[in-house]
Amino acid sequence: MATDYVELMDKLRAGEIEEIEIDSTNFMAFRDAWTNYPERKEIVGTAKRGGKIIYHYVSANA
């Protein structure tokens, strides 16, 4: 079953989770969901070693 990245981003925005970790094998699926997400500018990623990206929610009001 495919990961529901929109649901994960909703949980991130709601504060239910603190981060989403994406690896290189899942990046394109995540990117497709992220580019269509209305608040995508608040979902900010930080690249890590080994091709992983950690996404956090950063409020536009911060």
PDB file of N, CA and C in Angstrom:
ATOM      1  N   MET A   1       0.840  -1.190   0.000  1.00  0.00           N
ATOM      2  CA  MET A   1       0.000   0.000   0.000  1.00  0.00           C
ATOM      3  C   MET A   1       0.882   1.250   0.000  1.00  0.00           C
ATOM      4  N   ALA A   2       0.526   2.210  -0.801  1.00  0.00           N
ATOM      5  CA  ALA A   2       1.306   3.440  -0.929  1.00  0.00           C
ATOM      6  C   ALA A   2       1.094   4.342   0.288  1.00  0.00           C
ATOM      7  N   THR A   3       2.119   5.070   0.638  1.00  0.00           N
ATOM      8  CA  THR A   3       2.057   6.018   1.749  1.00  0.00           C
ATOM      9  C   THR A   3       1.212   7.214   1.343  1.00  0.00           C
ATOM     10  N   ASP A   4       0.342   7.656   2.224  1.00  0.00           N
ATOM     11  CA  ASP A   4      -0.496   8.829   1.970  1.00  0.00           C
ATOM     12  C   ASP A   4       0.251  10.063   2.474  1.00  0.00           C
ATOM     13  N   TYR A   5       1.002  10.689   1.579  1.00  0.00           N
ATOM     14  CA  TYR A   5       1.823  11.833   1.970  1.00  0.00           C
ATOM     15  C   TYR A   5       0.993  13.061   2.300  1.00  0.00           C
ATOM     16  N   VAL A   6      -0.165  13.209   1.688  1.00  0.00           N
ATOM     17  CA  VAL A   6      -1.039  14.339   2.025  1.00  0.00           C
ATOM     18  C   VAL A   6      -1.491  14.217   3.474  1.00  0.00           C
ATOM     19  N   GLU A   7      -1.862  13.012   3.884  1.00  0.00           N
ATOM     20  CA  GLU A   7      -2.259  12.790   5.274  1.00  0.00           C
ATOM     21  C   GLU A   7      -1.102  13.085   6.223  1.00  0.00           C
ATOM     22  N   LEU A   8       0.102  12.662   5.870  1.00  0.00           N
ATOM     23  CA  LEU A   8       1.265  12.946   6.707  1.00  0.00           C
ATOM     24  C   LEU A   8       1.529  14.447   6.803  1.00  0.00           C
ATOM     25  N   MET A   9       1.388  15.173   5.702  1.00  0.00           N
ATOM     26  CA  MET A   9       1.590  16.626   5.740  1.00  0.00           C
ATOM     27  C   MET A   9       0.505  17.296   6.565  1.00  0.00           C
ATOM     28  N   ASP A  10      -0.736  16.787   6.500  1.00  0.00           N
ATOM     29  CA  ASP A  10      -1.808  17.319   7.341  1.00  0.00           C
ATOM     30  C   ASP A  10      -1.480  17.116   8.818  1.00  0.00           C
ATOM     31  N   LYS A  11      -0.964  15.932   9.162  1.00  0.00           N
ATOM     32  CA  LYS A  11      -0.579  15.654  10.553  1.00  0.00           C
ATOM     33  C   LYS A  11       0.582  16.538  10.984  1.00  0.00           C
ATOM     34  N   LEU A  12       1.498  16.797  10.080  1.00  0.00           N
ATOM     35  CA  LEU A  12       2.620  17.679  10.361  1.00  0.00           C
ATOM     36  C   LEU A  12       2.117  19.083  10.679  1.00  0.00           C
ATOM     37  N   ARG A  13       1.215  19.593   9.869  1.00  0.00           N
ATOM     38  CA  ARG A  13       0.637  20.926  10.086  1.00  0.00           C
ATOM     39  C   ARG A  13      -0.137  21.005  11.393  1.00  0.00           C
ATOM     40  N   ALA A  14      -0.832  19.909  11.737  1.00  0.00           N
ATOM     41  CA  ALA A  14      -1.652  19.890  12.949  1.00  0.00           C
ATOM     42  C   ALA A  14      -0.824  19.690  14.209  1.00  0.00           C
ATOM     43  N   GLY A  15       0.459  19.375  14.053  1.00  0.00           N
ATOM     44  CA  GLY A  15       1.316  19.155  15.207  1.00  0.00           C
ATOM     45  C   GLY A  15       1.223  17.744  15.768  1.00  0.00           C
ATOM     46  N   GLU A  16       0.562  16.847  15.061  1.00  0.00           N
ATOM     47  CA  GLU A  16       0.437  15.460  15.507  1.00  0.00           C
ATOM     48  C   GLU A  16       1.758  14.703  15.361  1.00  0.00           C
ATOM     49  N   ILE A  17       2.560  15.103  14.381  1.00  0.00           N
ATOM     50  CA  ILE A  17       3.900  14.557  14.205  1.00  0.00           C
ATOM     51  C   ILE A  17       4.853  15.731  14.040  1.00  0.00           C
ATOM     52  N   GLU A  18       6.142  15.503  14.313  1.00  0.00           N
ATOM     53  CA  GLU A  18       7.115  16.597  14.247  1.00  0.00           C
ATOM     54  C   GLU A  18       7.876  16.652  12.938  1.00  0.00           C
ATOM     55  N   GLU A  19       7.968  15.512  12.254  1.00  0.00           N
ATOM     56  CA  GLU A  19       8.746  15.488  11.016  1.00  0.00           C
ATOM     57  C   GLU A  19       8.308  14.337  10.129  1.00  0.00           C
ATOM     58  N   ILE A  20       8.653  14.458   8.865  1.00  0.00           N
ATOM     59  CA  ILE A  20       8.473  13.387   7.885  1.00  0.00           C
ATOM     60  C   ILE A  20       9.848  13.112   7.303  1.00  0.00           C
ATOM     61  N   GLU A  21      10.268  11.858   7.352  1.00  0.00           N
ATOM     62  CA  GLU A  21      11.561  11.478   6.787  1.00  0.00           C
ATOM     63  C   GLU A  21      11.327  10.784   5.450  1.00  0.00           C
ATOM     64  N   ILE A  22      11.943  11.317   4.410  1.00  0.00           N
ATOM     65  CA  ILE A  22      11.800  10.788   3.059  1.00  0.00           C
ATOM     66  C   ILE A  22      13.172  10.342   2.574  1.00  0.00           C
ATOM     67  N   ASP A  23      13.233   9.149   1.999  1.00  0.00           N
ATOM     68  CA  ASP A  23      14.500   8.710   1.417  1.00  0.00           C
ATOM     69  C   ASP A  23      14.403   8.786  -0.107  1.00  0.00           C
ATOM     70  N   SER A  24      15.503   8.525  -0.759  1.00  0.00           N
ATOM     71  CA  SER A  24      15.567   8.710  -2.207  1.00  0.00           C
ATOM     72  C   SER A  24      14.598   7.808  -2.969  1.00  0.00           C
ATOM     73  N   THR A  25      14.247   6.662  -2.415  1.00  0.00           N
ATOM     74  CA  THR A  25      13.320   5.770  -3.113  1.00  0.00           C
ATOM     75  C   THR A  25      11.887   6.291  -3.086  1.00  0.00           C
ATOM     76  N   ASN A  26      11.550   7.115  -2.093  1.00  0.00           N
ATOM     77  CA  ASN A  26      10.187   7.648  -1.969  1.00  0.00           C
ATOM     78  C   ASN A  26      10.067   9.111  -2.378  1.00  0.00           C
ATOM     79  N   PHE A  27      11.178   9.722  -2.750  1.00  0.00           N
ATOM     80  CA  PHE A  27      11.167  11.165  -2.988  1.00  0.00           C
ATOM     81  C   PHE A  27      10.189  11.598  -4.066  1.00  0.00           C
ATOM     82  N   MET A  28      10.156  10.921  -5.194  1.00  0.00           N
ATOM     83  CA  MET A  28       9.286  11.366  -6.285  1.00  0.00           C
ATOM     84  C   MET A  28       7.804  11.257  -5.916  1.00  0.00           C
ATOM     85  N   ALA A  29       7.422  10.214  -5.207  1.00  0.00           N
ATOM     86  CA  ALA A  29       6.031  10.084  -4.764  1.00  0.00           C
ATOM     87  C   ALA A  29       5.684  11.210  -3.785  1.00  0.00           C
ATOM     88  N   PHE A  30       6.610  11.500  -2.853  1.00  0.00           N
ATOM     89  CA  PHE A  30       6.378  12.599  -1.915  1.00  0.00           C
ATOM     90  C   PHE A  30       6.304  13.927  -2.656  1.00  0.00           C
ATOM     91  N   ARG A  31       7.217  14.140  -3.591  1.00  0.00           N
ATOM     92  CA  ARG A  31       7.265  15.398  -4.331  1.00  0.00           C
ATOM     93  C   ARG A  31       5.969  15.658  -5.091  1.00  0.00           C
ATOM     94  N   ASP A  32       5.402  14.611  -5.686  1.00  0.00           N
ATOM     95  CA  ASP A  32       4.124  14.763  -6.400  1.00  0.00           C
ATOM     96  C   ASP A  32       3.034  15.270  -5.461  1.00  0.00           C
ATOM     97  N   ALA A  33       2.972  14.704  -4.252  1.00  0.00           N
ATOM     98  CA  ALA A  33       1.977  15.150  -3.272  1.00  0.00           C
ATOM     99  C   ALA A  33       2.302  16.548  -2.762  1.00  0.00           C
ATOM    100  N   TRP A  34       3.586  16.810  -2.510  1.00  0.00           N
ATOM    101  CA  TRP A  34       4.006  18.095  -1.963  1.00  0.00           C
ATOM    102  C   TRP A  34       3.741  19.251  -2.930  1.00  0.00           C
ATOM    103  N   THR A  35       4.008  19.054  -4.228  1.00  0.00           N
ATOM    104  CA  THR A  35       3.824  20.146  -5.186  1.00  0.00           C
ATOM    105  C   THR A  35       2.359  20.540  -5.341  1.00  0.00           C
ATOM    106  N   ASN A  36       1.438  19.641  -5.012  1.00  0.00           N
ATOM    107  CA  ASN A  36       0.007  19.953  -5.099  1.00  0.00           C
ATOM    108  C   ASN A  36      -0.594  20.339  -3.751  1.00  0.00           C
ATOM    109  N   TYR A  37       0.216  20.367  -2.722  1.00  0.00           N
ATOM    110  CA  TYR A  37      -0.270  20.667  -1.371  1.00  0.00           C
ATOM    111  C   TYR A  37      -0.401  22.178  -1.212  1.00  0.00           C
ATOM    112  N   PRO A  38      -1.565  22.657  -0.785  1.00  0.00           N
ATOM    113  CA  PRO A  38      -1.794  24.118  -0.707  1.00  0.00           C
ATOM    114  C   PRO A  38      -0.797  24.881   0.168  1.00  0.00           C
ATOM    115  N   GLU A  39      -0.362  24.296   1.267  1.00  0.00           N
ATOM    116  CA  GLU A  39       0.554  24.974   2.185  1.00  0.00           C
ATOM    117  C   GLU A  39       1.977  24.447   2.037  1.00  0.00           C
ATOM    118  N   ARG A  40       2.381  24.122   0.830  1.00  0.00           N
ATOM    119  CA  ARG A  40       3.697  23.495   0.615  1.00  0.00           C
ATOM    120  C   ARG A  40       4.867  24.392   1.023  1.00  0.00           C
ATOM    121  N   LYS A  41       4.686  25.692   0.999  1.00  0.00           N
ATOM    122  CA  LYS A  41       5.784  26.583   1.378  1.00  0.00           C
ATOM    123  C   LYS A  41       6.107  26.492   2.857  1.00  0.00           C
ATOM    124  N   GLU A  42       5.163  25.974   3.654  1.00  0.00           N
ATOM    125  CA  GLU A  42       5.398  25.810   5.082  1.00  0.00           C
ATOM    126  C   GLU A  42       6.006  24.443   5.418  1.00  0.00           C
ATOM    127  N   ILE A  43       6.043  23.539   4.447  1.00  0.00           N
ATOM    128  CA  ILE A  43       6.645  22.219   4.636  1.00  0.00           C
ATOM    129  C   ILE A  43       8.070  22.308   4.098  1.00  0.00           C
ATOM    130  N   VAL A  44       9.036  22.421   5.006  1.00  0.00           N
ATOM    131  CA  VAL A  44      10.417  22.712   4.651  1.00  0.00           C
ATOM    132  C   VAL A  44      11.294  21.490   4.909  1.00  0.00           C
ATOM    133  N   GLY A  45      12.115  21.158   3.915  1.00  0.00           N
ATOM    134  CA  GLY A  45      12.978  19.996   4.032  1.00  0.00           C
ATOM    135  C   GLY A  45      14.431  20.360   4.257  1.00  0.00           C
ATOM    136  N   THR A  46      15.125  19.484   4.984  1.00  0.00           N
ATOM    137  CA  THR A  46      16.556  19.608   5.223  1.00  0.00           C
ATOM    138  C   THR A  46      17.209  18.321   4.753  1.00  0.00           C
ATOM    139  N   ALA A  47      18.144  18.443   3.823  1.00  0.00           N
ATOM    140  CA  ALA A  47      18.837  17.269   3.291  1.00  0.00           C
ATOM    141  C   ALA A  47      19.826  16.723   4.305  1.00  0.00           C
ATOM    142  N   LYS A  48      19.863  15.414   4.403  1.00  0.00           N
ATOM    143  CA  LYS A  48      20.791  14.715   5.291  1.00  0.00           C
ATOM    144  C   LYS A  48      21.669  13.790   4.454  1.00  0.00           C
ATOM    145  N   ARG A  49      22.670  13.238   5.062  1.00  0.00           N
ATOM    146  CA  ARG A  49      23.541  12.279   4.382  1.00  0.00           C
ATOM    147  C   ARG A  49      22.760  11.033   3.996  1.00  0.00           C
ATOM    148  N   GLY A  50      23.202  10.401   2.927  1.00  0.00           N
ATOM    149  CA  GLY A  50      22.580   9.161   2.501  1.00  0.00           C
ATOM    150  C   GLY A  50      21.310   9.352   1.696  1.00  0.00           C
ATOM    151  N   GLY A  51      21.032  10.570   1.261  1.00  0.00           N
ATOM    152  CA  GLY A  51      19.861  10.817   0.424  1.00  0.00           C
ATOM    153  C   GLY A  51      18.556  10.995   1.168  1.00  0.00           C
ATOM    154  N   LYS A  52      18.602  11.193   2.476  1.00  0.00           N
ATOM    155  CA  LYS A  52      17.381  11.399   3.250  1.00  0.00           C
ATOM    156  C   LYS A  52      17.087  12.877   3.379  1.00  0.00           C
ATOM    157  N   ILE A  53      15.795  13.187   3.435  1.00  0.00           N
ATOM    158  CA  ILE A  53      15.345  14.556   3.647  1.00  0.00           C
ATOM    159  C   ILE A  53      14.354  14.527   4.798  1.00  0.00           C
ATOM    160  N   ILE A  54      14.550  15.419   5.751  1.00  0.00           N
ATOM    161  CA  ILE A  54      13.654  15.543   6.897  1.00  0.00           C
ATOM    162  C   ILE A  54      12.821  16.804   6.676  1.00  0.00           C
ATOM    163  N   TYR A  55      11.496  16.627   6.620  1.00  0.00           N
ATOM    164  CA  TYR A  55      10.579  17.747   6.428  1.00  0.00           C
ATOM    165  C   TYR A  55       9.944  18.136   7.747  1.00  0.00           C
ATOM    166  N   HIS A  56       9.867  19.448   7.999  1.00  0.00           N
ATOM    167  CA  HIS A  56       9.236  20.031   9.183  1.00  0.00           C
ATOM    168  C   HIS A  56       8.198  21.045   8.719  1.00  0.00           C
ATOM    169  N   TYR A  57       7.292  21.373   9.614  1.00  0.00           N
ATOM    170  CA  TYR A  57       6.334  22.432   9.355  1.00  0.00           C
ATOM    171  C   TYR A  57       6.855  23.711   9.969  1.00  0.00           C
ATOM    172  N   VAL A  58       6.909  24.751   9.178  1.00  0.00           N
ATOM    173  CA  VAL A  58       7.329  26.072   9.649  1.00  0.00           C
ATOM    174  C   VAL A  58       6.196  27.035   9.353  1.00  0.00           C
ATOM    175  N   SER A  59       5.564  27.538  10.385  1.00  0.00           N
ATOM    176  CA  SER A  59       4.422  28.427  10.237  1.00  0.00           C
ATOM    177  C   SER A  59       4.811  29.687   9.476  1.00  0.00           C
ATOM    178  N   ALA A  60       3.945  30.117   8.590  1.00  0.00           N
ATOM    179  CA  ALA A  60       4.173  31.343   7.825  1.00  0.00           C
ATOM    180  C   ALA A  60       4.132  32.559   8.754  1.00  0.00           C
ATOM    181  N   ASN A  61       3.522  32.412   9.916  1.00  0.00           N
ATOM    182  CA  ASN A  61       3.407  33.516  10.883  1.00  0.00           C
ATOM    183  C   ASN A  61       4.590  33.582  11.827  1.00  0.00           C
ATOM    184  N   ALA A  62       5.527  32.650  11.698  1.00  0.00           N
ATOM    185  CA  ALA A  62       6.660  32.615  12.633  1.00  0.00           C
ATOM    186  C   ALA A  62       7.696  33.652  12.312  1.00  0.00           C
TER     187      ALA A  62
END
